[in-house]
Amino acid sequence: MAAVSRERSLAVAENVTRRFDSFKSKFSRLDFEAASQHQFDPSDPIAQIAAPVLDSGKLRESELKLLTFVRDLNREMFKSIDPEGEWSIKSWSKPLESGQPQGGGVMSVVRGPVLEKSAVNMSVVWGPSYPSIEREYSGKPYLAAGVSLISHTYNPEAPIAHMNVRLLKVGEGEGSLFWMGGGGDLTPMQRYEEDTSSFHQAFKAACETHRLGDYPRFKAWCDEYFFIPHRGETRGVGGVFFDYLNVERADDLGLLLNVGQAFAHSYGEILKRRVGMAFSDELKDKQLHWRGRYAEFNLVHDRGTRFGLMSGGNIEAIFASLPPVVKW
């Protein structure tokens, strides 16, 4: 990707309203049943990666379809924001364990004049010993599948954003556990109350329309989780965060669907408002220093980063969340 200029970024952003509104009309919100029937290309690399656990029944096809829907929806949202972005889509596999596959993933990174670096990654990994951060389930077989998203825009008026939805199955037989986690958060340098309010309202609605949703709890959990101790401040304006929610019936995963759709539509609306705003060189330089806060959290405290490294994930995919250019 050639070096981006402010003029080029603003020029491509000129028609963002028309493009994003077209995305919204094409991708209206789906209910759980419809998303679980999402049709994806059988040649999709993630289907090939997940084939062993689909065949064994450890991962249901409906679960894979729901996650791929969230992935595809957010990819399309990004395409509407930056039609000139160049996509790099790469598959990766975990090292074999006793000659057997252990899954892998597909990373999708886009770089363009509007989205300086954004990514929508998906993985399905498994193994004989759960890489527990707190050691609570160490030694048990596991399966983890999820979608992780990050966005760094060229325009400093637009916020950094992150979203993740995931499911984990640990153990076998009667002692097995099945839980889910996820959330989304916003890290603006220039804070706009309209953006903060609309982002939180979208997640509030996502929680209130699902039996397991608890917006006040998930909001507080997000603020606690994304607190940077060495800075004495939270990373951005929050959102929602949850983990270890037991999955007892199929439609419990509808909460992940709600979160994924809320993010695509609410963050897209924010980008529509901000990526075409004029900005100074001084503000751009300030943005590069602000990105350092984001990188610090991901490298020091982020559980997803730690889990990815502990589970033998792809290094490039794990660190795709880091900003493309940063200053300290």
C-alpha atoms as a PDB file:
ATOM      1  CA  MET A   1       0.000   0.000   0.000  1.00  0.00           C
ATOM      2  CA  ALA A   2       1.441   3.353  -1.045  1.00  0.00           C
ATOM      3  CA  ALA A   3       1.892   6.038   1.608  1.00  0.00           C
ATOM      4  CA  VAL A   4      -1.391   7.748   2.443  1.00  0.00           C
ATOM      5  CA  SER A   5      -1.839  11.513   2.418  1.00  0.00           C
ATOM      6  CA  ARG A   6      -4.416  13.556   4.276  1.00  0.00           C
ATOM      7  CA  GLU A   7      -5.807  14.810   0.968  1.00  0.00           C
ATOM      8  CA  ARG A   8      -6.231  11.294  -0.387  1.00  0.00           C
ATOM      9  CA  SER A   9      -7.884  10.052   2.785  1.00  0.00           C
ATOM     10  CA  LEU A  10     -10.428  12.873   2.786  1.00  0.00           C
ATOM     11  CA  ALA A  11     -11.119  12.454  -0.930  1.00  0.00           C
ATOM     12  CA  VAL A  12     -11.976   8.761  -0.563  1.00  0.00           C
ATOM     13  CA  ALA A  13     -14.133   9.553   2.481  1.00  0.00           C
ATOM     14  CA  GLU A  14     -16.323  11.987   0.523  1.00  0.00           C
ATOM     15  CA  ASN A  15     -18.924   9.371  -0.444  1.00  0.00           C
ATOM     16  CA  VAL A  16     -18.804   7.367   2.779  1.00  0.00           C
ATOM     17  CA  THR A  17     -22.400   8.235   3.717  1.00  0.00           C
ATOM     18  CA  ARG A  18     -23.813   6.781   0.513  1.00  0.00           C
ATOM     19  CA  ARG A  19     -21.659   3.667   0.782  1.00  0.00           C
ATOM     20  CA  PHE A  20     -22.412   2.950   4.443  1.00  0.00           C
ATOM     21  CA  ASP A  21     -26.135   3.580   4.012  1.00  0.00           C
ATOM     22  CA  SER A  22     -26.076   1.084   1.144  1.00  0.00           C
ATOM     23  CA  PHE A  23     -24.377  -1.419   3.465  1.00  0.00           C
ATOM     24  CA  LYS A  24     -27.102  -0.925   6.087  1.00  0.00           C
ATOM     25  CA  SER A  25     -29.888  -1.492   3.599  1.00  0.00           C
ATOM     26  CA  LYS A  26     -28.218  -4.673   2.340  1.00  0.00           C
ATOM     27  CA  PHE A  27     -27.263  -6.079   5.738  1.00  0.00           C
ATOM     28  CA  SER A  28     -30.230  -5.612   8.015  1.00  0.00           C
ATOM     29  CA  ARG A  29     -30.013  -7.253  11.422  1.00  0.00           C
ATOM     30  CA  LEU A  30     -30.641 -11.002  11.486  1.00  0.00           C
ATOM     31  CA  ASP A  31     -32.115 -13.078  14.289  1.00  0.00           C
ATOM     32  CA  PHE A  32     -30.274 -16.046  15.747  1.00  0.00           C
ATOM     33  CA  GLU A  33     -31.961 -18.674  13.597  1.00  0.00           C
ATOM     34  CA  ALA A  34     -31.214 -16.826  10.351  1.00  0.00           C
ATOM     35  CA  ALA A  35     -27.583 -16.141  11.270  1.00  0.00           C
ATOM     36  CA  SER A  36     -27.093 -19.794  12.234  1.00  0.00           C
ATOM     37  CA  GLN A  37     -28.078 -20.722   8.670  1.00  0.00           C
ATOM     38  CA  HIS A  38     -25.646 -18.245   7.134  1.00  0.00           C
ATOM     39  CA  GLN A  39     -24.277 -19.689   3.921  1.00  0.00           C
ATOM     40  CA  PHE A  40     -20.578 -19.325   3.329  1.00  0.00           C
ATOM     41  CA  ASP A  41     -18.409 -20.597   0.543  1.00  0.00           C
ATOM     42  CA  PRO A  42     -17.438 -24.246   1.223  1.00  0.00           C
ATOM     43  CA  SER A  43     -13.996 -23.353  -0.074  1.00  0.00           C
ATOM     44  CA  ASP A  44     -13.659 -20.735   2.678  1.00  0.00           C
ATOM     45  CA  PRO A  45     -10.331 -21.568   4.403  1.00  0.00           C
ATOM     46  CA  ILE A  46     -11.958 -21.465   7.841  1.00  0.00           C
ATOM     47  CA  ALA A  47     -14.285 -24.309   6.808  1.00  0.00           C
ATOM     48  CA  GLN A  48     -11.311 -26.414   5.826  1.00  0.00           C
ATOM     49  CA  ILE A  49      -9.511 -25.585   9.066  1.00  0.00           C
ATOM     50  CA  ALA A  50     -12.561 -26.478  11.183  1.00  0.00           C
ATOM     51  CA  ALA A  51     -13.384 -29.677   9.255  1.00  0.00           C
ATOM     52  CA  PRO A  52     -11.907 -32.128  11.837  1.00  0.00           C
ATOM     53  CA  VAL A  53     -13.967 -30.737  14.730  1.00  0.00           C
ATOM     54  CA  LEU A  54     -17.074 -30.381  12.579  1.00  0.00           C
ATOM     55  CA  ASP A  55     -16.761 -34.012  11.567  1.00  0.00           C
ATOM     56  CA  SER A  56     -16.295 -35.110  15.172  1.00  0.00           C
ATOM     57  CA  GLY A  57     -19.180 -32.991  16.429  1.00  0.00           C
ATOM     58  CA  LYS A  58     -17.024 -30.943  18.800  1.00  0.00           C
ATOM     59  CA  LEU A  59     -18.055 -27.824  16.874  1.00  0.00           C
ATOM     60  CA  ARG A  60     -21.532 -27.497  15.430  1.00  0.00           C
ATOM     61  CA  GLU A  61     -21.995 -26.236  11.911  1.00  0.00           C
ATOM     62  CA  SER A  62     -24.513 -23.664  13.204  1.00  0.00           C
ATOM     63  CA  GLU A  63     -21.859 -22.312  15.588  1.00  0.00           C
ATOM     64  CA  LEU A  64     -19.343 -21.931  12.777  1.00  0.00           C
ATOM     65  CA  LYS A  65     -21.953 -20.289  10.551  1.00  0.00           C
ATOM     66  CA  LEU A  66     -22.873 -17.763  13.255  1.00  0.00           C
ATOM     67  CA  LEU A  67     -19.230 -16.767  13.749  1.00  0.00           C
ATOM     68  CA  THR A  68     -18.584 -16.518  10.009  1.00  0.00           C
ATOM     69  CA  PHE A  69     -21.661 -14.308   9.686  1.00  0.00           C
ATOM     70  CA  VAL A  70     -20.240 -11.897  12.284  1.00  0.00           C
ATOM     71  CA  ARG A  71     -16.900 -11.957  10.469  1.00  0.00           C
ATOM     72  CA  ASP A  72     -18.412 -11.417   7.010  1.00  0.00           C
ATOM     73  CA  LEU A  73     -20.735  -8.655   8.229  1.00  0.00           C
ATOM     74  CA  ASN A  74     -17.868  -6.643   9.678  1.00  0.00           C
ATOM     75  CA  ARG A  75     -15.702  -7.220   6.611  1.00  0.00           C
ATOM     76  CA  GLU A  76     -18.485  -5.758   4.479  1.00  0.00           C
ATOM     77  CA  MET A  77     -18.855  -2.803   6.849  1.00  0.00           C
ATOM     78  CA  PHE A  78     -15.160  -2.025   6.434  1.00  0.00           C
ATOM     79  CA  LYS A  79     -15.432  -2.336   2.652  1.00  0.00           C
ATOM     80  CA  SER A  80     -18.215   0.258   2.653  1.00  0.00           C
ATOM     81  CA  ILE A  81     -16.052   2.673   4.655  1.00  0.00           C
ATOM     82  CA  ASP A  82     -12.918   2.251   2.528  1.00  0.00           C
ATOM     83  CA  PRO A  83     -13.547   0.838  -0.968  1.00  0.00           C
ATOM     84  CA  GLU A  84      -9.906   1.425  -1.926  1.00  0.00           C
ATOM     85  CA  GLY A  85      -8.509  -0.613   0.944  1.00  0.00           C
ATOM     86  CA  GLU A  86      -6.231  -3.475  -0.050  1.00  0.00           C
ATOM     87  CA  TRP A  87      -7.096  -6.730   1.689  1.00  0.00           C
ATOM     88  CA  SER A  88      -4.515  -9.300   2.714  1.00  0.00           C
ATOM     89  CA  ILE A  89      -6.183 -12.603   3.631  1.00  0.00           C
ATOM     90  CA  LYS A  90      -3.906 -15.314   5.000  1.00  0.00           C
ATOM     91  CA  SER A  91      -4.580 -18.726   6.506  1.00  0.00           C
ATOM     92  CA  TRP A  92      -2.461 -20.199   9.278  1.00  0.00           C
ATOM     93  CA  SER A  93      -2.325 -23.518  11.115  1.00  0.00           C
ATOM     94  CA  LYS A  94      -1.186 -24.543  14.573  1.00  0.00           C
ATOM     95  CA  PRO A  95       1.691 -27.025  14.745  1.00  0.00           C
ATOM     96  CA  LEU A  96       0.569 -30.658  14.657  1.00  0.00           C
ATOM     97  CA  GLU A  97       0.168 -32.484  17.968  1.00  0.00           C
ATOM     98  CA  SER A  98       1.201 -36.156  17.712  1.00  0.00           C
ATOM     99  CA  GLY A  99       0.684 -35.861  13.982  1.00  0.00           C
ATOM    100  CA  GLN A 100      -2.848 -34.532  14.370  1.00  0.00           C
ATOM    101  CA  PRO A 101      -4.185 -31.101  13.273  1.00  0.00           C
ATOM    102  CA  GLN A 102      -4.921 -28.560  15.998  1.00  0.00           C
ATOM    103  CA  GLY A 103      -6.818 -26.002  13.928  1.00  0.00           C
ATOM    104  CA  GLY A 104      -5.780 -22.514  12.945  1.00  0.00           C
ATOM    105  CA  GLY A 105      -7.340 -19.404  11.529  1.00  0.00           C
ATOM    106  CA  VAL A 106      -7.689 -16.805   8.817  1.00  0.00           C
ATOM    107  CA  MET A 107      -6.476 -13.252   9.242  1.00  0.00           C
ATOM    108  CA  SER A 108      -7.981 -10.498   7.107  1.00  0.00           C
ATOM    109  CA  VAL A 109      -6.145  -7.185   7.221  1.00  0.00           C
ATOM    110  CA  VAL A 110      -7.159  -4.135   5.187  1.00  0.00           C
ATOM    111  CA  ARG A 111      -4.976  -1.077   4.605  1.00  0.00           C
ATOM    112  CA  GLY A 112      -6.255   1.924   2.718  1.00  0.00           C
ATOM    113  CA  PRO A 113      -6.540   5.705   2.613  1.00  0.00           C
ATOM    114  CA  VAL A 114      -9.415   5.715   5.140  1.00  0.00           C
ATOM    115  CA  LEU A 115      -8.721   2.565   7.150  1.00  0.00           C
ATOM    116  CA  GLU A 116      -5.009   2.883   7.741  1.00  0.00           C
ATOM    117  CA  LYS A 117      -5.042  -0.591   9.288  1.00  0.00           C
ATOM    118  CA  SER A 118      -8.068  -2.653  10.236  1.00  0.00           C
ATOM    119  CA  ALA A 119      -8.416  -6.393  10.683  1.00  0.00           C
ATOM    120  CA  VAL A 120     -11.108  -9.058  11.035  1.00  0.00           C
ATOM    121  CA  ASN A 121      -9.541 -12.315  12.205  1.00  0.00           C
ATOM    122  CA  MET A 122     -11.196 -15.677  12.846  1.00  0.00           C
ATOM    123  CA  SER A 123      -9.770 -18.796  14.431  1.00  0.00           C
ATOM    124  CA  VAL A 124     -10.833 -22.310  15.390  1.00  0.00           C
ATOM    125  CA  VAL A 125      -8.178 -24.017  17.528  1.00  0.00           C
ATOM    126  CA  TRP A 126      -8.130 -27.039  19.792  1.00  0.00           C
ATOM    127  CA  GLY A 127      -5.754 -29.268  21.694  1.00  0.00           C
ATOM    128  CA  PRO A 128      -5.271 -31.804  24.498  1.00  0.00           C
ATOM    129  CA  SER A 129      -4.421 -29.270  27.218  1.00  0.00           C
ATOM    130  CA  TYR A 130      -6.275 -25.979  27.751  1.00  0.00           C
ATOM    131  CA  PRO A 131      -3.776 -23.066  27.944  1.00  0.00           C
ATOM    132  CA  SER A 132      -5.388 -21.583  31.034  1.00  0.00           C
ATOM    133  CA  ILE A 133      -4.223 -18.128  32.043  1.00  0.00           C
ATOM    134  CA  GLU A 134      -5.330 -18.695  35.665  1.00  0.00           C
ATOM    135  CA  ARG A 135      -4.569 -22.464  35.579  1.00  0.00           C
ATOM    136  CA  GLU A 136      -8.177 -23.268  36.454  1.00  0.00           C
ATOM    137  CA  TYR A 137      -8.741 -25.792  33.648  1.00  0.00           C
ATOM    138  CA  SER A 138      -5.183 -26.795  32.816  1.00  0.00           C
ATOM    139  CA  GLY A 139      -4.683 -30.248  31.357  1.00  0.00           C
ATOM    140  CA  LYS A 140      -8.172 -30.617  29.900  1.00  0.00           C
ATOM    141  CA  PRO A 141      -8.880 -30.902  26.165  1.00  0.00           C
ATOM    142  CA  TYR A 142     -10.348 -27.755  24.685  1.00  0.00           C
ATOM    143  CA  LEU A 143     -11.758 -26.044  21.623  1.00  0.00           C
ATOM    144  CA  ALA A 144     -11.826 -22.272  21.115  1.00  0.00           C
ATOM    145  CA  ALA A 145     -13.454 -20.441  18.211  1.00  0.00           C
ATOM    146  CA  GLY A 146     -13.936 -16.746  17.710  1.00  0.00           C
ATOM    147  CA  VAL A 147     -13.794 -13.556  15.707  1.00  0.00           C
ATOM    148  CA  SER A 148     -11.571 -10.634  16.686  1.00  0.00           C
ATOM    149  CA  LEU A 149     -11.641  -7.199  15.101  1.00  0.00           C
ATOM    150  CA  ILE A 150      -9.551  -4.037  15.376  1.00  0.00           C
ATOM    151  CA  SER A 151      -9.637  -0.730  13.520  1.00  0.00           C
ATOM    152  CA  HIS A 152      -7.149   2.128  13.222  1.00  0.00           C
ATOM    153  CA  THR A 153      -8.318   4.917  10.903  1.00  0.00           C
ATOM    154  CA  TYR A 154      -6.095   7.439   9.172  1.00  0.00           C
ATOM    155  CA  ASN A 155      -8.238  10.358  10.340  1.00  0.00           C
ATOM    156  CA  PRO A 156      -7.508  11.242  13.997  1.00  0.00           C
ATOM    157  CA  GLU A 157     -11.091  12.437  14.436  1.00  0.00           C
ATOM    158  CA  ALA A 158     -12.283   8.823  14.145  1.00  0.00           C
ATOM    159  CA  PRO A 159     -11.783   6.450  17.101  1.00  0.00           C
ATOM    160  CA  ILE A 160      -9.868   3.209  17.409  1.00  0.00           C
ATOM    161  CA  ALA A 161     -12.267   0.331  18.014  1.00  0.00           C
ATOM    162  CA  HIS A 162     -12.085  -3.317  19.041  1.00  0.00           C
ATOM    163  CA  MET A 163     -14.609  -6.157  19.058  1.00  0.00           C
ATOM    164  CA  ASN A 164     -14.390  -9.843  19.920  1.00  0.00           C
ATOM    165  CA  VAL A 165     -16.833 -12.744  20.166  1.00  0.00           C
ATOM    166  CA  ARG A 166     -15.732 -16.238  21.161  1.00  0.00           C
ATOM    167  CA  LEU A 167     -16.863 -19.621  22.445  1.00  0.00           C
ATOM    168  CA  LEU A 168     -14.845 -22.163  24.412  1.00  0.00           C
ATOM    169  CA  LYS A 169     -15.435 -25.822  25.166  1.00  0.00           C
ATOM    170  CA  VAL A 170     -13.252 -27.443  27.823  1.00  0.00           C
ATOM    171  CA  GLY A 171     -13.208 -31.049  28.993  1.00  0.00           C
ATOM    172  CA  GLU A 172     -15.199 -34.054  27.848  1.00  0.00           C
ATOM    173  CA  GLY A 173     -18.317 -35.891  28.926  1.00  0.00           C
ATOM    174  CA  GLU A 174     -20.308 -34.874  31.993  1.00  0.00           C
ATOM    175  CA  GLY A 175     -17.529 -32.692  33.331  1.00  0.00           C
ATOM    176  CA  SER A 176     -17.256 -30.590  30.166  1.00  0.00           C
ATOM    177  CA  LEU A 177     -17.766 -26.842  30.175  1.00  0.00           C
ATOM    178  CA  PHE A 178     -19.103 -24.590  27.428  1.00  0.00           C
ATOM    179  CA  TRP A 179     -18.895 -20.842  27.817  1.00  0.00           C
ATOM    180  CA  MET A 180     -18.748 -17.686  25.723  1.00  0.00           C
ATOM    181  CA  GLY A 181     -17.243 -14.248  25.982  1.00  0.00           C
ATOM    182  CA  GLY A 182     -16.913 -11.085  23.993  1.00  0.00           C
ATOM    183  CA  GLY A 183     -17.531  -7.377  23.822  1.00  0.00           C
ATOM    184  CA  GLY A 184     -16.519  -4.200  22.100  1.00  0.00           C
ATOM    185  CA  ASP A 185     -14.888  -0.933  23.133  1.00  0.00           C
ATOM    186  CA  LEU A 186     -14.091   2.473  21.701  1.00  0.00           C
ATOM    187  CA  THR A 187     -10.813   4.406  22.068  1.00  0.00           C
ATOM    188  CA  PRO A 188     -11.202   7.934  20.683  1.00  0.00           C
ATOM    189  CA  MET A 189      -8.519  10.561  20.836  1.00  0.00           C
ATOM    190  CA  GLN A 190     -11.069  13.260  20.084  1.00  0.00           C
ATOM    191  CA  ARG A 191     -14.081  12.513  22.257  1.00  0.00           C
ATOM    192  CA  TYR A 192     -17.575  13.237  20.962  1.00  0.00           C
ATOM    193  CA  GLU A 193     -20.509  12.631  23.280  1.00  0.00           C
ATOM    194  CA  GLU A 194     -22.680  11.702  20.286  1.00  0.00           C
ATOM    195  CA  ASP A 195     -20.304   8.859  19.409  1.00  0.00           C
ATOM    196  CA  THR A 196     -19.931   7.591  22.970  1.00  0.00           C
ATOM    197  CA  SER A 197     -23.680   7.675  23.550  1.00  0.00           C
ATOM    198  CA  SER A 198     -24.637   5.941  20.306  1.00  0.00           C
ATOM    199  CA  PHE A 199     -21.986   3.237  20.783  1.00  0.00           C
ATOM    200  CA  HIS A 200     -23.194   2.446  24.307  1.00  0.00           C
ATOM    201  CA  GLN A 201     -26.858   2.591  23.308  1.00  0.00           C
ATOM    202  CA  ALA A 202     -26.223   0.019  20.582  1.00  0.00           C
ATOM    203  CA  PHE A 203     -24.669  -2.403  23.071  1.00  0.00           C
ATOM    204  CA  LYS A 204     -27.351  -1.670  25.656  1.00  0.00           C
ATOM    205  CA  ALA A 205     -30.001  -2.685  23.114  1.00  0.00           C
ATOM    206  CA  ALA A 206     -27.948  -5.759  22.159  1.00  0.00           C
ATOM    207  CA  CYS A 207     -27.945  -6.863  25.792  1.00  0.00           C
ATOM    208  CA  GLU A 208     -31.562  -6.021  26.567  1.00  0.00           C
ATOM    209  CA  THR A 209     -32.859  -8.154  23.696  1.00  0.00           C
ATOM    210  CA  HIS A 210     -31.163 -11.324  24.975  1.00  0.00           C
ATOM    211  CA  ARG A 211     -31.879 -13.282  28.142  1.00  0.00           C
ATOM    212  CA  LEU A 212     -28.208 -13.399  29.165  1.00  0.00           C
ATOM    213  CA  GLY A 213     -27.547  -9.732  28.450  1.00  0.00           C
ATOM    214  CA  ASP A 214     -26.697  -7.558  31.447  1.00  0.00           C
ATOM    215  CA  TYR A 215     -25.619  -4.162  30.164  1.00  0.00           C
ATOM    216  CA  PRO A 216     -24.842  -2.468  33.532  1.00  0.00           C
ATOM    217  CA  ARG A 217     -22.683  -5.423  34.573  1.00  0.00           C
ATOM    218  CA  PHE A 218     -20.948  -5.779  31.204  1.00  0.00           C
ATOM    219  CA  LYS A 219     -20.298  -2.020  31.000  1.00  0.00           C
ATOM    220  CA  ALA A 220     -18.686  -1.985  34.450  1.00  0.00           C
ATOM    221  CA  TRP A 221     -16.728  -5.124  33.543  1.00  0.00           C
ATOM    222  CA  CYS A 222     -15.398  -3.375  30.441  1.00  0.00           C
ATOM    223  CA  ASP A 223     -14.260  -0.319  32.397  1.00  0.00           C
ATOM    224  CA  GLU A 224     -12.491  -2.548  34.917  1.00  0.00           C
ATOM    225  CA  TYR A 225     -10.891  -4.774  32.295  1.00  0.00           C
ATOM    226  CA  PHE A 226      -9.561  -1.969  30.083  1.00  0.00           C
ATOM    227  CA  PHE A 227      -8.037  -0.007  32.943  1.00  0.00           C
ATOM    228  CA  ILE A 228      -4.317   0.661  32.389  1.00  0.00           C
ATOM    229  CA  PRO A 229      -2.707   0.528  35.865  1.00  0.00           C
ATOM    230  CA  HIS A 230       0.598   2.148  34.934  1.00  0.00           C
ATOM    231  CA  ARG A 231      -1.295   5.069  33.357  1.00  0.00           C
ATOM    232  CA  GLY A 232      -4.000   5.238  36.003  1.00  0.00           C
ATOM    233  CA  GLU A 233      -6.715   5.540  33.361  1.00  0.00           C
ATOM    234  CA  THR A 234      -9.124   3.488  31.303  1.00  0.00           C
ATOM    235  CA  ARG A 235      -8.490   2.784  27.637  1.00  0.00           C
ATOM    236  CA  GLY A 236     -11.021   5.009  25.903  1.00  0.00           C
ATOM    237  CA  VAL A 237     -14.728   5.387  26.654  1.00  0.00           C
ATOM    238  CA  GLY A 238     -15.549   1.730  27.199  1.00  0.00           C
ATOM    239  CA  GLY A 239     -18.335  -0.398  25.845  1.00  0.00           C
ATOM    240  CA  VAL A 240     -19.147  -3.910  27.078  1.00  0.00           C
ATOM    241  CA  PHE A 241     -17.069  -6.915  28.107  1.00  0.00           C
ATOM    242  CA  PHE A 242     -18.100 -10.346  29.380  1.00  0.00           C
ATOM    243  CA  ASP A 243     -16.527 -13.781  29.830  1.00  0.00           C
ATOM    244  CA  TYR A 244     -17.269 -17.221  31.286  1.00  0.00           C
ATOM    245  CA  LEU A 245     -21.002 -17.027  30.498  1.00  0.00           C
ATOM    246  CA  ASN A 246     -22.244 -20.619  30.529  1.00  0.00           C
ATOM    247  CA  VAL A 247     -23.887 -21.787  27.320  1.00  0.00           C
ATOM    248  CA  GLU A 248     -26.843 -23.977  28.255  1.00  0.00           C
ATOM    249  CA  ARG A 249     -28.870 -23.869  25.056  1.00  0.00           C
ATOM    250  CA  ALA A 250     -28.165 -23.108  21.408  1.00  0.00           C
ATOM    251  CA  ASP A 251     -29.736 -19.657  21.297  1.00  0.00           C
ATOM    252  CA  ASP A 252     -27.546 -18.468  24.172  1.00  0.00           C
ATOM    253  CA  LEU A 253     -25.002 -17.743  21.424  1.00  0.00           C
ATOM    254  CA  GLY A 254     -27.425 -15.149  20.135  1.00  0.00           C
ATOM    255  CA  LEU A 255     -25.722 -12.735  22.527  1.00  0.00           C
ATOM    256  CA  LEU A 256     -22.551 -13.011  20.427  1.00  0.00           C
ATOM    257  CA  LEU A 257     -24.616 -12.312  17.322  1.00  0.00           C
ATOM    258  CA  ASN A 258     -26.174  -9.243  18.942  1.00  0.00           C
ATOM    259  CA  VAL A 259     -22.760  -7.893  19.915  1.00  0.00           C
ATOM    260  CA  GLY A 260     -21.290  -8.496  16.459  1.00  0.00           C
ATOM    261  CA  GLN A 261     -24.173  -6.760  14.698  1.00  0.00           C
ATOM    262  CA  ALA A 262     -24.327  -3.878  17.188  1.00  0.00           C
ATOM    263  CA  PHE A 263     -20.650  -3.204  16.594  1.00  0.00           C
ATOM    264  CA  ALA A 264     -20.849  -3.272  12.788  1.00  0.00           C
ATOM    265  CA  HIS A 265     -23.737  -0.833  12.651  1.00  0.00           C
ATOM    266  CA  SER A 266     -22.766   1.519  15.496  1.00  0.00           C
ATOM    267  CA  TYR A 267     -19.058   1.803  14.679  1.00  0.00           C
ATOM    268  CA  GLY A 268     -19.867   2.209  10.993  1.00  0.00           C
ATOM    269  CA  GLU A 269     -22.147   5.134  11.854  1.00  0.00           C
ATOM    270  CA  ILE A 270     -19.360   6.758  13.857  1.00  0.00           C
ATOM    271  CA  LEU A 271     -16.904   6.335  10.995  1.00  0.00           C
ATOM    272  CA  LYS A 272     -19.460   7.808   8.617  1.00  0.00           C
ATOM    273  CA  ARG A 273     -19.550  10.942  10.775  1.00  0.00           C
ATOM    274  CA  ARG A 274     -15.809  11.274  11.381  1.00  0.00           C
ATOM    275  CA  VAL A 275     -13.569   9.980   8.576  1.00  0.00           C
ATOM    276  CA  GLY A 276     -14.350  12.936   6.298  1.00  0.00           C
ATOM    277  CA  MET A 277     -13.622  15.644   8.888  1.00  0.00           C
ATOM    278  CA  ALA A 278     -10.775  18.056   8.210  1.00  0.00           C
ATOM    279  CA  PHE A 279      -7.786  17.747  10.545  1.00  0.00           C
ATOM    280  CA  SER A 280      -4.396  19.365  11.088  1.00  0.00           C
ATOM    281  CA  ASP A 281      -0.876  17.919  11.032  1.00  0.00           C
ATOM    282  CA  GLU A 282      -0.694  18.661  14.750  1.00  0.00           C
ATOM    283  CA  LEU A 283      -3.768  16.519  15.415  1.00  0.00           C
ATOM    284  CA  LYS A 284      -2.361  13.697  13.291  1.00  0.00           C
ATOM    285  CA  ASP A 285       0.872  13.748  15.293  1.00  0.00           C
ATOM    286  CA  LYS A 286      -1.134  13.680  18.524  1.00  0.00           C
ATOM    287  CA  GLN A 287      -2.986  10.613  17.233  1.00  0.00           C
ATOM    288  CA  LEU A 288       0.266   8.710  16.745  1.00  0.00           C
ATOM    289  CA  HIS A 289       1.207   9.255  20.377  1.00  0.00           C
ATOM    290  CA  TRP A 290      -2.305   8.317  21.529  1.00  0.00           C
ATOM    291  CA  ARG A 291      -2.024   5.007  19.695  1.00  0.00           C
ATOM    292  CA  GLY A 292       0.813   4.172  22.059  1.00  0.00           C
ATOM    293  CA  ARG A 293      -1.689   3.807  24.909  1.00  0.00           C
ATOM    294  CA  TYR A 294      -3.569   1.237  22.884  1.00  0.00           C
ATOM    295  CA  ALA A 295      -0.402  -0.712  22.108  1.00  0.00           C
ATOM    296  CA  GLU A 296       0.695  -0.662  25.749  1.00  0.00           C
ATOM    297  CA  PHE A 297      -2.495  -2.325  26.938  1.00  0.00           C
ATOM    298  CA  ASN A 298      -2.441  -4.990  24.235  1.00  0.00           C
ATOM    299  CA  LEU A 299       1.162  -5.920  24.903  1.00  0.00           C
ATOM    300  CA  VAL A 300       1.025  -5.871  28.697  1.00  0.00           C
ATOM    301  CA  HIS A 301      -2.503  -6.714  29.873  1.00  0.00           C
ATOM    302  CA  ASP A 302      -4.713  -8.104  27.107  1.00  0.00           C
ATOM    303  CA  ARG A 303      -5.975 -11.632  27.851  1.00  0.00           C
ATOM    304  CA  GLY A 304      -6.603 -12.340  24.174  1.00  0.00           C
ATOM    305  CA  THR A 305      -2.973 -11.647  23.357  1.00  0.00           C
ATOM    306  CA  ARG A 306      -1.826 -13.930  26.165  1.00  0.00           C
ATOM    307  CA  PHE A 307      -4.227 -16.729  25.203  1.00  0.00           C
ATOM    308  CA  GLY A 308      -3.170 -16.527  21.559  1.00  0.00           C
ATOM    309  CA  LEU A 309       0.494 -16.866  22.465  1.00  0.00           C
ATOM    310  CA  MET A 310      -0.136 -19.647  24.995  1.00  0.00           C
ATOM    311  CA  SER A 311      -2.295 -21.644  22.568  1.00  0.00           C
ATOM    312  CA  GLY A 312       0.256 -21.596  19.743  1.00  0.00           C
ATOM    313  CA  GLY A 313      -1.583 -19.011  17.657  1.00  0.00           C
ATOM    314  CA  ASN A 314      -0.165 -17.186  14.677  1.00  0.00           C
ATOM    315  CA  ILE A 315       2.101 -14.337  15.789  1.00  0.00           C
ATOM    316  CA  GLU A 316       1.163 -12.095  12.868  1.00  0.00           C
ATOM    317  CA  ALA A 317      -2.547 -12.561  13.554  1.00  0.00           C
ATOM    318  CA  ILE A 318      -2.158 -11.997  17.305  1.00  0.00           C
ATOM    319  CA  PHE A 319      -0.350  -8.698  16.800  1.00  0.00           C
ATOM    320  CA  ALA A 320      -2.581  -7.515  13.950  1.00  0.00           C
ATOM    321  CA  SER A 321      -4.282  -5.372  16.598  1.00  0.00           C
ATOM    322  CA  LEU A 322      -1.243  -3.117  16.952  1.00  0.00           C
ATOM    323  CA  PRO A 323      -1.355   0.266  15.189  1.00  0.00           C
ATOM    324  CA  PRO A 324       0.419   0.675  11.826  1.00  0.00           C
ATOM    325  CA  VAL A 325       2.355   3.809  12.881  1.00  0.00           C
ATOM    326  CA  VAL A 326       2.847   4.895  16.487  1.00  0.00           C
ATOM    327  CA  LYS A 327       4.949   7.299  18.544  1.00  0.00           C
ATOM    328  CA  TRP A 328       6.009   7.330  22.181  1.00  0.00           C
END
